[in-house]
Amino acid sequence: HDVGKNWSLYLSELYRHLFEEFGLKKVEFDLNDNTLDFIVD
């Protein structure tokens, strides 16, 4: 996204909440200034 670490943090929390609503526990996030990586089972 090249928008900054806060954007990565925002998206990761948004997605984490969504995945929790579906009862998914196997989620991994990796954040940095330019990218958000995540794996969800």
PDB file of all heavy atoms in Angstrom:
ATOM      1  N   HIS A   1       0.800  -1.223   0.000  1.00  0.00           N
ATOM      2  CA  HIS A   1       0.000   0.000   0.000  1.00  0.00           C
ATOM      3  C   HIS A   1       0.837   1.280   0.000  1.00  0.00           C
ATOM      4  O   HIS A   1       0.345   2.326  -0.410  1.00  0.00           O
ATOM      5  CB  HIS A   1      -0.969   0.006   1.183  1.00  0.00           C
ATOM      6  CG  HIS A   1      -0.302  -0.175   2.499  1.00  0.00           C
ATOM      7  ND1 HIS A   1       0.472   0.785   3.090  1.00  0.00           N
ATOM      8  CD2 HIS A   1      -0.295  -1.243   3.333  1.00  0.00           C
ATOM      9  CE1 HIS A   1       0.917   0.340   4.245  1.00  0.00           C
ATOM     10  NE2 HIS A   1       0.472  -0.892   4.406  1.00  0.00           N
ATOM     11  N   ASP A   2       2.052   1.242   0.481  1.00  0.00           N
ATOM     12  CA  ASP A   2       2.951   2.415   0.517  1.00  0.00           C
ATOM     13  C   ASP A   2       2.324   3.635   1.194  1.00  0.00           C
ATOM     14  O   ASP A   2       2.544   4.770   0.789  1.00  0.00           O
ATOM     15  CB  ASP A   2       3.416   2.795  -0.893  1.00  0.00           C
ATOM     16  CG  ASP A   2       4.233   1.708  -1.548  1.00  0.00           C
ATOM     17  OD1 ASP A   2       5.005   1.039  -0.842  1.00  0.00           O
ATOM     18  OD2 ASP A   2       4.103   1.511  -2.770  1.00  0.00           O
ATOM     19  N   VAL A   3       1.536   3.405   2.249  1.00  0.00           N
ATOM     20  CA  VAL A   3       0.857   4.499   2.942  1.00  0.00           C
ATOM     21  C   VAL A   3       1.401   4.709   4.355  1.00  0.00           C
ATOM     22  O   VAL A   3       1.110   5.716   4.978  1.00  0.00           O
ATOM     23  CB  VAL A   3      -0.676   4.254   2.974  1.00  0.00           C
ATOM     24  CG1 VAL A   3      -1.410   5.378   3.647  1.00  0.00           C
ATOM     25  CG2 VAL A   3      -1.216   4.073   1.575  1.00  0.00           C
ATOM     26  N   GLY A   4       2.174   3.784   4.875  1.00  0.00           N
ATOM     27  CA  GLY A   4       2.740   3.936   6.211  1.00  0.00           C
ATOM     28  C   GLY A   4       2.308   2.837   7.163  1.00  0.00           C
ATOM     29  O   GLY A   4       1.353   2.105   6.918  1.00  0.00           O
ATOM     30  N   LYS A   5       3.058   2.743   8.261  1.00  0.00           N
ATOM     31  CA  LYS A   5       2.836   1.678   9.237  1.00  0.00           C
ATOM     32  C   LYS A   5       1.445   1.764   9.878  1.00  0.00           C
ATOM     33  O   LYS A   5       0.834   0.742  10.174  1.00  0.00           O
ATOM     34  CB  LYS A   5       3.906   1.717  10.319  1.00  0.00           C
ATOM     35  CG  LYS A   5       3.796   0.584  11.294  1.00  0.00           C
ATOM     36  CD  LYS A   5       5.094  -0.057  11.527  1.00  0.00           C
ATOM     37  CE  LYS A   5       4.917  -1.285  12.393  1.00  0.00           C
ATOM     38  NZ  LYS A   5       6.069  -2.118  12.373  1.00  0.00           N
ATOM     39  N   ASN A   6       0.943   2.989  10.100  1.00  0.00           N
ATOM     40  CA  ASN A   6      -0.384   3.114  10.712  1.00  0.00           C
ATOM     41  C   ASN A   6      -1.470   2.494   9.842  1.00  0.00           C
ATOM     42  O   ASN A   6      -2.443   1.948  10.353  1.00  0.00           O
ATOM     43  CB  ASN A   6      -0.713   4.579  11.008  1.00  0.00           C
ATOM     44  CG  ASN A   6       0.024   5.092  12.215  1.00  0.00           C
ATOM     45  OD1 ASN A   6       0.504   4.324  13.046  1.00  0.00           O
ATOM     46  ND2 ASN A   6       0.136   6.402  12.318  1.00  0.00           N
ATOM     47  N   TRP A   7      -1.321   2.585   8.533  1.00  0.00           N
ATOM     48  CA  TRP A   7      -2.300   1.967   7.627  1.00  0.00           C
ATOM     49  C   TRP A   7      -2.222   0.444   7.738  1.00  0.00           C
ATOM     50  O   TRP A   7      -3.258  -0.224   7.758  1.00  0.00           O
ATOM     51  CB  TRP A   7      -2.079   2.437   6.202  1.00  0.00           C
ATOM     52  CG  TRP A   7      -3.177   2.016   5.271  1.00  0.00           C
ATOM     53  CD1 TRP A   7      -3.072   1.147   4.232  1.00  0.00           C
ATOM     54  CD2 TRP A   7      -4.551   2.421   5.303  1.00  0.00           C
ATOM     55  NE1 TRP A   7      -4.288   0.994   3.600  1.00  0.00           N
ATOM     56  CE2 TRP A   7      -5.211   1.769   4.251  1.00  0.00           C
ATOM     57  CE3 TRP A   7      -5.274   3.276   6.118  1.00  0.00           C
ATOM     58  CZ2 TRP A   7      -6.571   1.938   3.997  1.00  0.00           C
ATOM     59  CZ3 TRP A   7      -6.628   3.436   5.857  1.00  0.00           C
ATOM     60  CH2 TRP A   7      -7.254   2.777   4.809  1.00  0.00           C
ATOM     61  N   SER A   8      -1.008  -0.079   7.825  1.00  0.00           N
ATOM     62  CA  SER A   8      -0.844  -1.524   8.022  1.00  0.00           C
ATOM     63  C   SER A   8      -1.507  -1.959   9.321  1.00  0.00           C
ATOM     64  O   SER A   8      -2.195  -2.984   9.367  1.00  0.00           O
ATOM     65  CB  SER A   8       0.635  -1.906   8.061  1.00  0.00           C
ATOM     66  OG  SER A   8       1.247  -1.766   6.819  1.00  0.00           O
ATOM     67  N   LEU A   9      -1.298  -1.181  10.381  1.00  0.00           N
ATOM     68  CA  LEU A   9      -1.888  -1.499  11.677  1.00  0.00           C
ATOM     69  C   LEU A   9      -3.416  -1.437  11.610  1.00  0.00           C
ATOM     70  O   LEU A   9      -4.113  -2.328  12.104  1.00  0.00           O
ATOM     71  CB  LEU A   9      -1.352  -0.542  12.741  1.00  0.00           C
ATOM     72  CG  LEU A   9      -1.831  -0.775  14.158  1.00  0.00           C
ATOM     73  CD1 LEU A   9      -1.448  -2.169  14.646  1.00  0.00           C
ATOM     74  CD2 LEU A   9      -1.255   0.281  15.078  1.00  0.00           C
ATOM     75  N   TYR A  10      -3.941  -0.398  10.979  1.00  0.00           N
ATOM     76  CA  TYR A  10      -5.390  -0.258  10.842  1.00  0.00           C
ATOM     77  C   TYR A  10      -5.997  -1.451  10.103  1.00  0.00           C
ATOM     78  O   TYR A  10      -6.975  -2.053  10.563  1.00  0.00           O
ATOM     79  CB  TYR A  10      -5.727   1.047  10.120  1.00  0.00           C
ATOM     80  CG  TYR A  10      -7.180   1.159   9.735  1.00  0.00           C
ATOM     81  CD1 TYR A  10      -8.148   1.433  10.696  1.00  0.00           C
ATOM     82  CD2 TYR A  10      -7.586   0.969   8.413  1.00  0.00           C
ATOM     83  CE1 TYR A  10      -9.491   1.522  10.350  1.00  0.00           C
ATOM     84  CE2 TYR A  10      -8.917   1.052   8.068  1.00  0.00           C
ATOM     85  CZ  TYR A  10      -9.865   1.331   9.030  1.00  0.00           C
ATOM     86  OH  TYR A  10     -11.190   1.404   8.683  1.00  0.00           O
ATOM     87  N   LEU A  11      -5.421  -1.776   8.943  1.00  0.00           N
ATOM     88  CA  LEU A  11      -5.955  -2.898   8.157  1.00  0.00           C
ATOM     89  C   LEU A  11      -5.854  -4.214   8.913  1.00  0.00           C
ATOM     90  O   LEU A  11      -6.783  -5.026   8.881  1.00  0.00           O
ATOM     91  CB  LEU A  11      -5.229  -3.010   6.819  1.00  0.00           C
ATOM     92  CG  LEU A  11      -5.530  -1.945   5.784  1.00  0.00           C
ATOM     93  CD1 LEU A  11      -4.691  -2.175   4.534  1.00  0.00           C
ATOM     94  CD2 LEU A  11      -7.002  -1.906   5.437  1.00  0.00           C
ATOM     95  N   SER A  12      -4.733  -4.435   9.587  1.00  0.00           N
ATOM     96  CA  SER A  12      -4.563  -5.698  10.312  1.00  0.00           C
ATOM     97  C   SER A  12      -5.604  -5.832  11.417  1.00  0.00           C
ATOM     98  O   SER A  12      -6.166  -6.913  11.617  1.00  0.00           O
ATOM     99  CB  SER A  12      -3.151  -5.836  10.876  1.00  0.00           C
ATOM    100  OG  SER A  12      -2.909  -4.897  11.895  1.00  0.00           O
ATOM    101  N   GLU A  13      -5.890  -4.747  12.128  1.00  0.00           N
ATOM    102  CA  GLU A  13      -6.906  -4.815  13.186  1.00  0.00           C
ATOM    103  C   GLU A  13      -8.302  -4.995  12.597  1.00  0.00           C
ATOM    104  O   GLU A  13      -9.120  -5.740  13.149  1.00  0.00           O
ATOM    105  CB  GLU A  13      -6.849  -3.566  14.065  1.00  0.00           C
ATOM    106  CG  GLU A  13      -5.617  -3.517  14.939  1.00  0.00           C
ATOM    107  CD  GLU A  13      -5.486  -4.726  15.846  1.00  0.00           C
ATOM    108  OE1 GLU A  13      -6.482  -5.113  16.508  1.00  0.00           O
ATOM    109  OE2 GLU A  13      -4.386  -5.319  15.879  1.00  0.00           O
ATOM    110  N   LEU A  14      -8.576  -4.351  11.492  1.00  0.00           N
ATOM    111  CA  LEU A  14      -9.861  -4.517  10.819  1.00  0.00           C
ATOM    112  C   LEU A  14     -10.061  -5.972  10.389  1.00  0.00           C
ATOM    113  O   LEU A  14     -11.104  -6.577  10.653  1.00  0.00           O
ATOM    114  CB  LEU A  14      -9.912  -3.592   9.601  1.00  0.00           C
ATOM    115  CG  LEU A  14     -11.199  -3.534   8.804  1.00  0.00           C
ATOM    116  CD1 LEU A  14     -12.293  -2.856   9.626  1.00  0.00           C
ATOM    117  CD2 LEU A  14     -10.963  -2.776   7.514  1.00  0.00           C
ATOM    118  N   TYR A  15      -9.052  -6.536   9.747  1.00  0.00           N
ATOM    119  CA  TYR A  15      -9.136  -7.920   9.288  1.00  0.00           C
ATOM    120  C   TYR A  15      -9.150  -8.897  10.451  1.00  0.00           C
ATOM    121  O   TYR A  15      -9.881  -9.892  10.426  1.00  0.00           O
ATOM    122  CB  TYR A  15      -7.989  -8.256   8.335  1.00  0.00           C
ATOM    123  CG  TYR A  15      -8.001  -7.447   7.052  1.00  0.00           C
ATOM    124  CD1 TYR A  15      -6.836  -7.276   6.322  1.00  0.00           C
ATOM    125  CD2 TYR A  15      -9.151  -6.857   6.569  1.00  0.00           C
ATOM    126  CE1 TYR A  15      -6.831  -6.540   5.140  1.00  0.00           C
ATOM    127  CE2 TYR A  15      -9.151  -6.122   5.391  1.00  0.00           C
ATOM    128  CZ  TYR A  15      -7.985  -5.966   4.683  1.00  0.00           C
ATOM    129  OH  TYR A  15      -7.983  -5.241   3.520  1.00  0.00           O
ATOM    130  N   ARG A  16      -8.364  -8.620  11.499  1.00  0.00           N
ATOM    131  CA  ARG A  16      -8.348  -9.494  12.679  1.00  0.00           C
ATOM    132  C   ARG A  16      -9.754  -9.585  13.285  1.00  0.00           C
ATOM    133  O   ARG A  16     -10.235 -10.668  13.614  1.00  0.00           O
ATOM    134  CB  ARG A  16      -7.348  -8.973  13.707  1.00  0.00           C
ATOM    135  CG  ARG A  16      -7.198  -9.871  14.928  1.00  0.00           C
ATOM    136  CD  ARG A  16      -6.259  -9.317  15.985  1.00  0.00           C
ATOM    137  NE  ARG A  16      -5.103  -8.629  15.471  1.00  0.00           N
ATOM    138  CZ  ARG A  16      -3.947  -9.216  15.129  1.00  0.00           C
ATOM    139  NH1 ARG A  16      -3.822 -10.529  15.238  1.00  0.00           N
ATOM    140  NH2 ARG A  16      -2.940  -8.503  14.685  1.00  0.00           N
ATOM    141  N   HIS A  17     -10.418  -8.443  13.400  1.00  0.00           N
ATOM    142  CA  HIS A  17     -11.776  -8.428  13.947  1.00  0.00           C
ATOM    143  C   HIS A  17     -12.731  -9.238  13.056  1.00  0.00           C
ATOM    144  O   HIS A  17     -13.539 -10.019  13.549  1.00  0.00           O
ATOM    145  CB  HIS A  17     -12.269  -6.993  14.096  1.00  0.00           C
ATOM    146  CG  HIS A  17     -13.662  -6.896  14.618  1.00  0.00           C
ATOM    147  ND1 HIS A  17     -13.989  -7.176  15.923  1.00  0.00           N
ATOM    148  CD2 HIS A  17     -14.822  -6.584  13.997  1.00  0.00           C
ATOM    149  CE1 HIS A  17     -15.291  -7.034  16.085  1.00  0.00           C
ATOM    150  NE2 HIS A  17     -15.819  -6.674  14.927  1.00  0.00           N
ATOM    151  N   LEU A  18     -12.627  -9.043  11.752  1.00  0.00           N
ATOM    152  CA  LEU A  18     -13.467  -9.788  10.812  1.00  0.00           C
ATOM    153  C   LEU A  18     -13.260 -11.300  10.971  1.00  0.00           C
ATOM    154  O   LEU A  18     -14.220 -12.062  11.078  1.00  0.00           O
ATOM    155  CB  LEU A  18     -13.149  -9.368   9.376  1.00  0.00           C
ATOM    156  CG  LEU A  18     -13.843 -10.168   8.274  1.00  0.00           C
ATOM    157  CD1 LEU A  18     -15.337  -9.862   8.249  1.00  0.00           C
ATOM    158  CD2 LEU A  18     -13.211  -9.874   6.936  1.00  0.00           C
ATOM    159  N   PHE A  19     -11.999 -11.723  11.017  1.00  0.00           N
ATOM    160  CA  PHE A  19     -11.706 -13.150  11.129  1.00  0.00           C
ATOM    161  C   PHE A  19     -12.174 -13.717  12.465  1.00  0.00           C
ATOM    162  O   PHE A  19     -12.640 -14.856  12.534  1.00  0.00           O
ATOM    163  CB  PHE A  19     -10.214 -13.413  10.914  1.00  0.00           C
ATOM    164  CG  PHE A  19      -9.718 -13.008   9.548  1.00  0.00           C
ATOM    165  CD1 PHE A  19      -8.460 -12.462   9.390  1.00  0.00           C
ATOM    166  CD2 PHE A  19     -10.500 -13.166   8.419  1.00  0.00           C
ATOM    167  CE1 PHE A  19      -7.993 -12.081   8.138  1.00  0.00           C
ATOM    168  CE2 PHE A  19     -10.061 -12.789   7.159  1.00  0.00           C
ATOM    169  CZ  PHE A  19      -8.793 -12.239   7.024  1.00  0.00           C
ATOM    170  N   GLU A  20     -12.082 -12.928  13.530  1.00  0.00           N
ATOM    171  CA  GLU A  20     -12.579 -13.377  14.833  1.00  0.00           C
ATOM    172  C   GLU A  20     -14.085 -13.584  14.802  1.00  0.00           C
ATOM    173  O   GLU A  20     -14.598 -14.504  15.439  1.00  0.00           O
ATOM    174  CB  GLU A  20     -12.201 -12.378  15.923  1.00  0.00           C
ATOM    175  CG  GLU A  20     -10.744 -12.442  16.310  1.00  0.00           C
ATOM    176  CD  GLU A  20     -10.342 -11.357  17.301  1.00  0.00           C
ATOM    177  OE1 GLU A  20     -11.197 -10.517  17.674  1.00  0.00           O
ATOM    178  OE2 GLU A  20      -9.158 -11.351  17.686  1.00  0.00           O
ATOM    179  N   GLU A  21     -14.790 -12.725  14.053  1.00  0.00           N
ATOM    180  CA  GLU A  21     -16.240 -12.877  13.924  1.00  0.00           C
ATOM    181  C   GLU A  21     -16.606 -14.217  13.276  1.00  0.00           C
ATOM    182  O   GLU A  21     -17.662 -14.769  13.550  1.00  0.00           O
ATOM    183  CB  GLU A  21     -16.836 -11.722  13.112  1.00  0.00           C
ATOM    184  CG  GLU A  21     -16.838 -10.398  13.832  1.00  0.00           C
ATOM    185  CD  GLU A  21     -17.770 -10.401  15.029  1.00  0.00           C
ATOM    186  OE1 GLU A  21     -18.912 -10.869  14.913  1.00  0.00           O
ATOM    187  OE2 GLU A  21     -17.319  -9.933  16.100  1.00  0.00           O
ATOM    188  N   PHE A  22     -15.733 -14.722  12.427  1.00  0.00           N
ATOM    189  CA  PHE A  22     -15.952 -16.018  11.789  1.00  0.00           C
ATOM    190  C   PHE A  22     -15.385 -17.161  12.629  1.00  0.00           C
ATOM    191  O   PHE A  22     -15.424 -18.315  12.209  1.00  0.00           O
ATOM    192  CB  PHE A  22     -15.329 -16.041  10.389  1.00  0.00           C
ATOM    193  CG  PHE A  22     -16.164 -15.340   9.366  1.00  0.00           C
ATOM    194  CD1 PHE A  22     -15.842 -14.053   8.953  1.00  0.00           C
ATOM    195  CD2 PHE A  22     -17.275 -15.947   8.809  1.00  0.00           C
ATOM    196  CE1 PHE A  22     -16.604 -13.391   8.010  1.00  0.00           C
ATOM    197  CE2 PHE A  22     -18.049 -15.297   7.870  1.00  0.00           C
ATOM    198  CZ  PHE A  22     -17.719 -14.011   7.470  1.00  0.00           C
ATOM    199  N   GLY A  23     -14.828 -16.867  13.790  1.00  0.00           N
ATOM    200  CA  GLY A  23     -14.293 -17.894  14.672  1.00  0.00           C
ATOM    201  C   GLY A  23     -12.955 -18.459  14.236  1.00  0.00           C
ATOM    202  O   GLY A  23     -12.581 -19.548  14.655  1.00  0.00           O
ATOM    203  N   LEU A  24     -12.226 -17.722  13.391  1.00  0.00           N
ATOM    204  CA  LEU A  24     -10.941 -18.210  12.896  1.00  0.00           C
ATOM    205  C   LEU A  24      -9.827 -17.812  13.856  1.00  0.00           C
ATOM    206  O   LEU A  24      -9.689 -16.643  14.213  1.00  0.00           O
ATOM    207  CB  LEU A  24     -10.648 -17.652  11.500  1.00  0.00           C
ATOM    208  CG  LEU A  24     -11.690 -18.005  10.440  1.00  0.00           C
ATOM    209  CD1 LEU A  24     -11.349 -17.317   9.136  1.00  0.00           C
ATOM    210  CD2 LEU A  24     -11.789 -19.501  10.268  1.00  0.00           C
ATOM    211  N   LYS A  25      -9.046 -18.771  14.262  1.00  0.00           N
ATOM    212  CA  LYS A  25      -7.964 -18.521  15.219  1.00  0.00           C
ATOM    213  C   LYS A  25      -6.591 -18.570  14.555  1.00  0.00           C
ATOM    214  O   LYS A  25      -5.623 -18.065  15.095  1.00  0.00           O
ATOM    215  CB  LYS A  25      -8.017 -19.562  16.333  1.00  0.00           C
ATOM    216  CG  LYS A  25      -9.360 -19.669  17.005  1.00  0.00           C
ATOM    217  CD  LYS A  25      -9.426 -18.822  18.239  1.00  0.00           C
ATOM    218  CE  LYS A  25     -10.692 -19.095  19.008  1.00  0.00           C
ATOM    219  NZ  LYS A  25     -11.601 -18.000  18.997  1.00  0.00           N
ATOM    220  N   LYS A  26      -6.500 -19.188  13.393  1.00  0.00           N
ATOM    221  CA  LYS A  26      -5.208 -19.380  12.725  1.00  0.00           C
ATOM    222  C   LYS A  26      -4.957 -18.241  11.743  1.00  0.00           C
ATOM    223  O   LYS A  26      -5.114 -18.384  10.542  1.00  0.00           O
ATOM    224  CB  LYS A  26      -5.179 -20.719  12.001  1.00  0.00           C
ATOM    225  CG  LYS A  26      -5.388 -21.919  12.902  1.00  0.00           C
ATOM    226  CD  LYS A  26      -5.490 -23.196  12.090  1.00  0.00           C
ATOM    227  CE  LYS A  26      -5.851 -24.366  12.967  1.00  0.00           C
ATOM    228  NZ  LYS A  26      -6.097 -25.564  12.181  1.00  0.00           N
ATOM    229  N   VAL A  27      -4.570 -17.072  12.288  1.00  0.00           N
ATOM    230  CA  VAL A  27      -4.303 -15.896  11.468  1.00  0.00           C
ATOM    231  C   VAL A  27      -2.953 -15.318  11.875  1.00  0.00           C
ATOM    232  O   VAL A  27      -2.684 -15.169  13.066  1.00  0.00           O
ATOM    233  CB  VAL A  27      -5.395 -14.820  11.638  1.00  0.00           C
ATOM    234  CG1 VAL A  27      -5.136 -13.637  10.729  1.00  0.00           C
ATOM    235  CG2 VAL A  27      -6.777 -15.394  11.374  1.00  0.00           C
ATOM    236  N   GLU A  28      -2.114 -15.037  10.891  1.00  0.00           N
ATOM    237  CA  GLU A  28      -0.803 -14.452  11.147  1.00  0.00           C
ATOM    238  C   GLU A  28      -0.699 -13.152  10.358  1.00  0.00           C
ATOM    239  O   GLU A  28      -1.043 -13.115   9.188  1.00  0.00           O
ATOM    240  CB  GLU A  28       0.312 -15.396  10.678  1.00  0.00           C
ATOM    241  CG  GLU A  28       0.285 -16.774  11.288  1.00  0.00           C
ATOM    242  CD  GLU A  28       1.222 -17.728  10.565  1.00  0.00           C
ATOM    243  OE1 GLU A  28       2.235 -17.266  10.003  1.00  0.00           O
ATOM    244  OE2 GLU A  28       0.922 -18.924  10.553  1.00  0.00           O
ATOM    245  N   PHE A  29      -0.211 -12.096  11.023  1.00  0.00           N
ATOM    246  CA  PHE A  29      -0.008 -10.802  10.371  1.00  0.00           C
ATOM    247  C   PHE A  29       1.460 -10.409  10.462  1.00  0.00           C
ATOM    248  O   PHE A  29       2.116 -10.663  11.462  1.00  0.00           O
ATOM    249  CB  PHE A  29      -0.842  -9.705  11.056  1.00  0.00           C
ATOM    250  CG  PHE A  29      -2.311  -9.827  10.830  1.00  0.00           C
ATOM    251  CD1 PHE A  29      -3.110 -10.478  11.750  1.00  0.00           C
ATOM    252  CD2 PHE A  29      -2.905  -9.283   9.708  1.00  0.00           C
ATOM    253  CE1 PHE A  29      -4.474 -10.586  11.561  1.00  0.00           C
ATOM    254  CE2 PHE A  29      -4.264  -9.384   9.499  1.00  0.00           C
ATOM    255  CZ  PHE A  29      -5.058 -10.040  10.430  1.00  0.00           C
ATOM    256  N   ASP A  30       1.945  -9.773   9.414  1.00  0.00           N
ATOM    257  CA  ASP A  30       3.282  -9.187   9.398  1.00  0.00           C
ATOM    258  C   ASP A  30       3.130  -7.777   8.824  1.00  0.00           C
ATOM    259  O   ASP A  30       2.683  -7.621   7.689  1.00  0.00           O
ATOM    260  CB  ASP A  30       4.229 -10.033   8.547  1.00  0.00           C
ATOM    261  CG  ASP A  30       5.650  -9.521   8.568  1.00  0.00           C
ATOM    262  OD1 ASP A  30       6.035  -8.845   9.549  1.00  0.00           O
ATOM    263  OD2 ASP A  30       6.384  -9.771   7.601  1.00  0.00           O
ATOM    264  N   LEU A  31       3.482  -6.780   9.639  1.00  0.00           N
ATOM    265  CA  LEU A  31       3.276  -5.384   9.255  1.00  0.00           C
ATOM    266  C   LEU A  31       4.603  -4.685   9.027  1.00  0.00           C
ATOM    267  O   LEU A  31       5.571  -4.951   9.717  1.00  0.00           O
ATOM    268  CB  LEU A  31       2.588  -4.597  10.372  1.00  0.00           C
ATOM    269  CG  LEU A  31       1.486  -5.241  11.161  1.00  0.00           C
ATOM    270  CD1 LEU A  31       1.239  -4.471  12.439  1.00  0.00           C
ATOM    271  CD2 LEU A  31       0.230  -5.248  10.353  1.00  0.00           C
ATOM    272  N   ASN A  32       4.617  -3.775   8.077  1.00  0.00           N
ATOM    273  CA  ASN A  32       5.721  -2.826   7.974  1.00  0.00           C
ATOM    274  C   ASN A  32       5.204  -1.555   7.330  1.00  0.00           C
ATOM    275  O   ASN A  32       4.002  -1.391   7.129  1.00  0.00           O
ATOM    276  CB  ASN A  32       6.955  -3.426   7.281  1.00  0.00           C
ATOM    277  CG  ASN A  32       6.737  -3.704   5.820  1.00  0.00           C
ATOM    278  OD1 ASN A  32       6.238  -2.857   5.097  1.00  0.00           O
ATOM    279  ND2 ASN A  32       7.122  -4.888   5.378  1.00  0.00           N
ATOM    280  N   ASP A  33       6.103  -0.624   7.024  1.00  0.00           N
ATOM    281  CA  ASP A  33       5.679   0.690   6.528  1.00  0.00           C
ATOM    282  C   ASP A  33       4.954   0.633   5.191  1.00  0.00           C
ATOM    283  O   ASP A  33       4.089   1.469   4.927  1.00  0.00           O
ATOM    284  CB  ASP A  33       6.886   1.617   6.384  1.00  0.00           C
ATOM    285  CG  ASP A  33       7.466   2.008   7.726  1.00  0.00           C
ATOM    286  OD1 ASP A  33       6.777   1.838   8.751  1.00  0.00           O
ATOM    287  OD2 ASP A  33       8.609   2.483   7.755  1.00  0.00           O
ATOM    288  N   ASN A  34       5.292  -0.307   4.341  1.00  0.00           N
ATOM    289  CA  ASN A  34       4.766  -0.318   2.979  1.00  0.00           C
ATOM    290  C   ASN A  34       3.860  -1.487   2.645  1.00  0.00           C
ATOM    291  O   ASN A  34       3.171  -1.444   1.632  1.00  0.00           O
ATOM    292  CB  ASN A  34       5.923  -0.299   1.978  1.00  0.00           C
ATOM    293  CG  ASN A  34       6.783   0.922   2.149  1.00  0.00           C
ATOM    294  OD1 ASN A  34       6.279   2.029   2.275  1.00  0.00           O
ATOM    295  ND2 ASN A  34       8.088   0.731   2.187  1.00  0.00           N
ATOM    296  N   THR A  35       3.883  -2.525   3.457  1.00  0.00           N
ATOM    297  CA  THR A  35       3.092  -3.713   3.127  1.00  0.00           C
ATOM    298  C   THR A  35       2.408  -4.307   4.352  1.00  0.00           C
ATOM    299  O   THR A  35       2.833  -4.111   5.477  1.00  0.00           O
ATOM    300  CB  THR A  35       3.960  -4.832   2.499  1.00  0.00           C
ATOM    301  OG1 THR A  35       4.944  -5.232   3.434  1.00  0.00           O
ATOM    302  CG2 THR A  35       4.592  -4.399   1.204  1.00  0.00           C
ATOM    303  N   LEU A  36       1.344  -5.020   4.072  1.00  0.00           N
ATOM    304  CA  LEU A  36       0.678  -5.845   5.071  1.00  0.00           C
ATOM    305  C   LEU A  36       0.636  -7.254   4.499  1.00  0.00           C
ATOM    306  O   LEU A  36       0.136  -7.463   3.391  1.00  0.00           O
ATOM    307  CB  LEU A  36      -0.745  -5.350   5.337  1.00  0.00           C
ATOM    308  CG  LEU A  36      -1.612  -6.277   6.187  1.00  0.00           C
ATOM    309  CD1 LEU A  36      -1.037  -6.404   7.594  1.00  0.00           C
ATOM    310  CD2 LEU A  36      -3.040  -5.788   6.231  1.00  0.00           C
ATOM    311  N   ASP A  37       1.184  -8.194   5.230  1.00  0.00           N
ATOM    312  CA  ASP A  37       1.139  -9.600   4.854  1.00  0.00           C
ATOM    313  C   ASP A  37       0.271 -10.313   5.882  1.00  0.00           C
ATOM    314  O   ASP A  37       0.406 -10.059   7.080  1.00  0.00           O
ATOM    315  CB  ASP A  37       2.527 -10.245   4.890  1.00  0.00           C
ATOM    316  CG  ASP A  37       3.551  -9.511   4.041  1.00  0.00           C
ATOM    317  OD1 ASP A  37       3.187  -8.575   3.323  1.00  0.00           O
ATOM    318  OD2 ASP A  37       4.720  -9.901   4.105  1.00  0.00           O
ATOM    319  N   PHE A  38      -0.609 -11.172   5.421  1.00  0.00           N
ATOM    320  CA  PHE A  38      -1.339 -12.002   6.383  1.00  0.00           C
ATOM    321  C   PHE A  38      -1.676 -13.343   5.775  1.00  0.00           C
ATOM    322  O   PHE A  38      -1.811 -13.491   4.560  1.00  0.00           O
ATOM    323  CB  PHE A  38      -2.581 -11.296   6.936  1.00  0.00           C
ATOM    324  CG  PHE A  38      -3.672 -11.007   5.949  1.00  0.00           C
ATOM    325  CD1 PHE A  38      -4.727 -11.889   5.770  1.00  0.00           C
ATOM    326  CD2 PHE A  38      -3.664  -9.822   5.233  1.00  0.00           C
ATOM    327  CE1 PHE A  38      -5.746 -11.598   4.890  1.00  0.00           C
ATOM    328  CE2 PHE A  38      -4.690  -9.515   4.355  1.00  0.00           C
ATOM    329  CZ  PHE A  38      -5.725 -10.408   4.178  1.00  0.00           C
ATOM    330  N   ILE A  39      -1.755 -14.307   6.664  1.00  0.00           N
ATOM    331  CA  ILE A  39      -2.129 -15.680   6.298  1.00  0.00           C
ATOM    332  C   ILE A  39      -3.292 -16.060   7.180  1.00  0.00           C
ATOM    333  O   ILE A  39      -3.238 -15.895   8.400  1.00  0.00           O
ATOM    334  CB  ILE A  39      -0.949 -16.648   6.518  1.00  0.00           C
ATOM    335  CG1 ILE A  39       0.234 -16.249   5.645  1.00  0.00           C
ATOM    336  CG2 ILE A  39      -1.389 -18.082   6.235  1.00  0.00           C
ATOM    337  CD1 ILE A  39       1.520 -17.008   5.965  1.00  0.00           C
ATOM    338  N   VAL A  40      -4.338 -16.536   6.551  1.00  0.00           N
ATOM    339  CA  VAL A  40      -5.518 -16.975   7.301  1.00  0.00           C
ATOM    340  C   VAL A  40      -5.885 -18.380   6.848  1.00  0.00           C
ATOM    341  O   VAL A  40      -5.897 -18.677   5.658  1.00  0.00           O
ATOM    342  CB  VAL A  40      -6.711 -15.998   7.128  1.00  0.00           C
ATOM    343  CG1 VAL A  40      -7.102 -15.843   5.673  1.00  0.00           C
ATOM    344  CG2 VAL A  40      -7.881 -16.402   7.980  1.00  0.00           C
ATOM    345  N   ASP A  41      -6.113 -19.240   7.823  1.00  0.00           N
ATOM    346  CA  ASP A  41      -6.556 -20.604   7.536  1.00  0.00           C
ATOM    347  C   ASP A  41      -8.063 -20.631   7.777  1.00  0.00           C
ATOM    348  O   ASP A  41      -8.525 -20.376   8.884  1.00  0.00           O
ATOM    349  CB  ASP A  41      -5.839 -21.591   8.459  1.00  0.00           C
ATOM    350  CG  ASP A  41      -6.055 -23.027   8.035  1.00  0.00           C
ATOM    351  OD1 ASP A  41      -7.093 -23.336   7.400  1.00  0.00           O
ATOM    352  OD2 ASP A  41      -5.187 -23.858   8.322  1.00  0.00           O
TER     353      ASP A  41
END
